[in-house]
Amino acid sequence: MAEQAFVGAGQRPGLVAWRIEKLIPVPVTKDLHKLYSGDSYIFLQTVQKNSSLTWNIHFWLGKDTSQDESGVAAYKTVELDESLGGGPVQYRECQGFESDLFLSYFKSTGIEYLTGGVASGFNKVVRDQYDTKLLQVKGKRTVRVNQVATKNTSLTKDDVYILDLGLEIFVFNGSTANRQEKAKALDYVRQLNNNERGARAQITFLDDEPKNEKFWTTLGGFINVTKEGDDDDTHDQAHRESIKLIQLSDASSSLKTVDVTPKDGVLKKDLLNSTDVFIVDAGNVLHVWIGRGASADERKNGVIYASQYLTQTKRPAQTPITRVAEGGEGSAFKALFHAWDPPRTISFGQQASTSATTRAVEDKGVDASALFSASAAEDDDLFAGQDGTNAIKVWRIENLEKVQVDAATYGEFFGGDSYVVLNTFTPKSGAKPSHVIYFWQGRQSSQDEKAASALWAQRLDDEMGGSPVQVRVVQGKEPSHFRRLFLGRLIVHSGGKASGFKNRHDQDSYDDDGVSLFHIKGTSELNTFATQVDEVAANLNSGDVFVLTTPRQVYQWQGSGSNAEERRVASNIAAILKGKRAVTVVDEGDADDAFWNFLGGKTDDYPKVKAGQEAEHDPRLFHVTNETGYFQASEIPSFAQDDLNIDDVFLLDCYTTLYLWVGQGANESEKRGALKIANDYLAAAQSDGRGEGTPVISIQSGKEPAIFTCHFAGWDAALFHQPAFVDPYEAKLQKLRDEKAKAAGAVAPAAAAPAPVHDAPPAPVAAVAGGNQTFTLQQLIAGVDGIDLTRKESYLSDAEFKTVLGVTRGEFAALPKWKQQAKKKEVNLF
């Protein structure tokens, strides 16, 4: 019988939780981020993906929870999983060692660990009586708030601490605490004061009063804090050992485990048998994979055996365990296997799934042309939603110098060369033009030419003040927005100029026998292009169009599965290549002997599928660093724009394209080494089957194109486009100080003594325009005491108001509130 508390669960997107009370799961209705160390919990996160729902179940074990409660949490998690059809992924979470995915649910609140157990939640609350607590605040993205001993020796120099005395709250910043951690701590203090203390608490910052007597007396006396704490980045991470694969099977009438790790250590998908359960030991986490045909006994005991395996291998008891059902594998699990989703071709009787679900999707027969037209996921646009014009310049690398190409030949590239292409997009709205620098590298181009193309692209970027977006393009992996620049006239020829470091054997190489075969590929008239291939019949395929040039005639061969756009663009390509020759259009099956003779003889031995279709992959965001001397990438689950830190470099992996986001505060060596980091990442990612040559788009913070921002829900264009850098900690600290000053000013005088005479406070907003008190934009951004922080724009002079916001006061007042807020965000007055 299904657990009554789970009825209706998982039907709506969002996070819900149950606490184990007297061995029964009881719904938690508020403060899901407050977890008692003596309890066990079950969390269900439901996510809407297109028209389907996916689920993650986490059972969280406090460090002081009883064995009975942790056992109930584990088997009730299985019941919840089964009530949802066996589709969810299960995670075991231990206090202080939670997975990044679990932590991502609490980015706005952090996690607060409370001492005690379920009984602690029913203590009688007496107004204005509070327990003294010293709280440690730790973490860059999601803070953990952990109660520590109330003494000065608990303090470390690299974390933030909050001394909570009820109606007095002290904030201590360790000397090396990072700004994100300090900003998150202030968020927590504001929430604590506003939600639990009725905004009545007096907040004191030890930065202002480093020897505050009450703070240090409470902790046992003043000390110089020099002790170091755990590093934030390694706090949750164990060393990753060699991956192992353990099979759990009852085929011999009793459950047995067998180590089936291949000798070469490379895991492949076909090692997983659908009738069994497998434990994948990734060093810092165990994955329990449940095959569709696994027995009930195998399913029930998978996590139990994984826990026993931890004990046998003398691993920490808090090592995360994840339970995943066949068909619902996530990116982190797939990444452990070589080429889990290799590039695949899809026959005309199949269709690629357009969404990731927890169940298998049956293929359905579709029209061949509709199949290829539907693959619009690749049809991206750097300037989506904007009306304007593109202007391009093209340079070819010759003797390691960039040489301007004749505009009449724009769109014609040679596979033995490398090029630099500058695109300037000018919006019709009159907004400032945007620039994109592509460096295109031919497949046969020499290494020094490829390096020179990247170098010249960087120099051009520097000359333009660092504002352009940089995109590396490898032959055969041209993104759609690059092809669009040439309006259906992009042709890649074989051959090219000799290398700048040529030896006596190097020479210019071009196809000059008069016979050439071009493969036409694309999804629309604007992004379709032609690539020269060897002129042999085996290179044809039924899904595309080909143009064959011969000394006296040009053939346009149309595969039976090609679409109308490809045929139309093929006609344009044929017209460019024909010179004075006639063009003959032939459909597959109708070509004459002369056609076949140029291709080495007639044959039917060529592919009957459309090339290049990729399996769909969800985007993944990584924070990358090489600070320790070797490449590291830490994934950010459930990512959002706020996860992008302007002091760092991030990779957004969309499988067919890799975006390199460089924060404006990243140091010079990080900026210069960013492309190498991307290449290192791609080299490490080759095992997923994507192949070489994935396009890399380098983006500066504040200049993000639409094809990047579309992967972040609710992207705020003003967030990284500030007139000057705003430290998030300093901004939040100023806000708290302003609130503190405002609250102090609202308190009435205590006695009947005559009130002293003061200067009048700032005029009300409605009267400011007629008064004398104004401030510059820079002053308002830095912070001004005693003003209405919700109407900062009102304190600008009339002239600066129009200059900064682009409208007069009257025009601004007539705008809808959301437009007013958007304008204020753009200039950091919100």
Foldseek 3Di string as FASTA:
>chain_A
DAQPQLVPPQPDADKWKFWQDPLHTDTDDDDPQEAELQTKMKMWGWDDWPPDIAIEIEIEHRVNHDPSRSVSSVVSSVSSCVVVVVQYKYKYFYPQQGDLQVLVSAQQAAHEYDYDDPVVVPDDDDPQQDDWWKWWWAAQRGTYTYTDDLAPVVDAQATWIWTPPQQEIEIEHRVNHDLSSLLSVLSNVVCCLVVPVVVRHHYYYCVVVVPPPVSQVRRPHDDDHHHHDDDRVCSNFFDWDQKWKWWWACPVVDTDIDTPQDPVSAAAPVVDDLQTWMWICRPQEIEIEHHPNHDPVRVSCRVVVVQVVCVVVVHDSRRMYMYHYPLNDAPVVLLSHFQHFAFDFDFQQFAFDPIRGSDDDDGGHDALLVRLLVPCPLQDALAPPFDWDKDKWKFWQDLLDTHTDDPVPPQEAELQTKMKMKIWTQTPVRDDIAIEIEIEHHPNHDPSRSVSSVVVSVVVCVVVVVRHKYKYFYPPLDGQNVQLVVQLRHEYAYWAAWYSPDDPVTGGDHDDQFWWKWWWDDNASRRIYIYTDPLAPQADEQQTWMWITHNAAIEIEHRPSYYPSRSVSSVVNCVVPQVPHYYHYDYPPGDDQVSNVSNVHDDPNYHHTDPDHGHFHQKWKWFWDCVVPDTDTDTNPPDAPVVDDLQGWMWICRLLAIEIEHRPNHDPVCVVCRVVSVVVVVVSSCSNNSDDRRMYMYHYFLNRGPVVCVSHPPDQSLPRQEPDDDSSSLVSVLVVVQSSVVVVVPDDDDDDPDDDDDPDAQDPLVCLQVDDAADALVDVLNPDHRDDLVPNLSRHHQVVSCVQQVDGPVVLVPDPPVVNVSSCSNHNSD
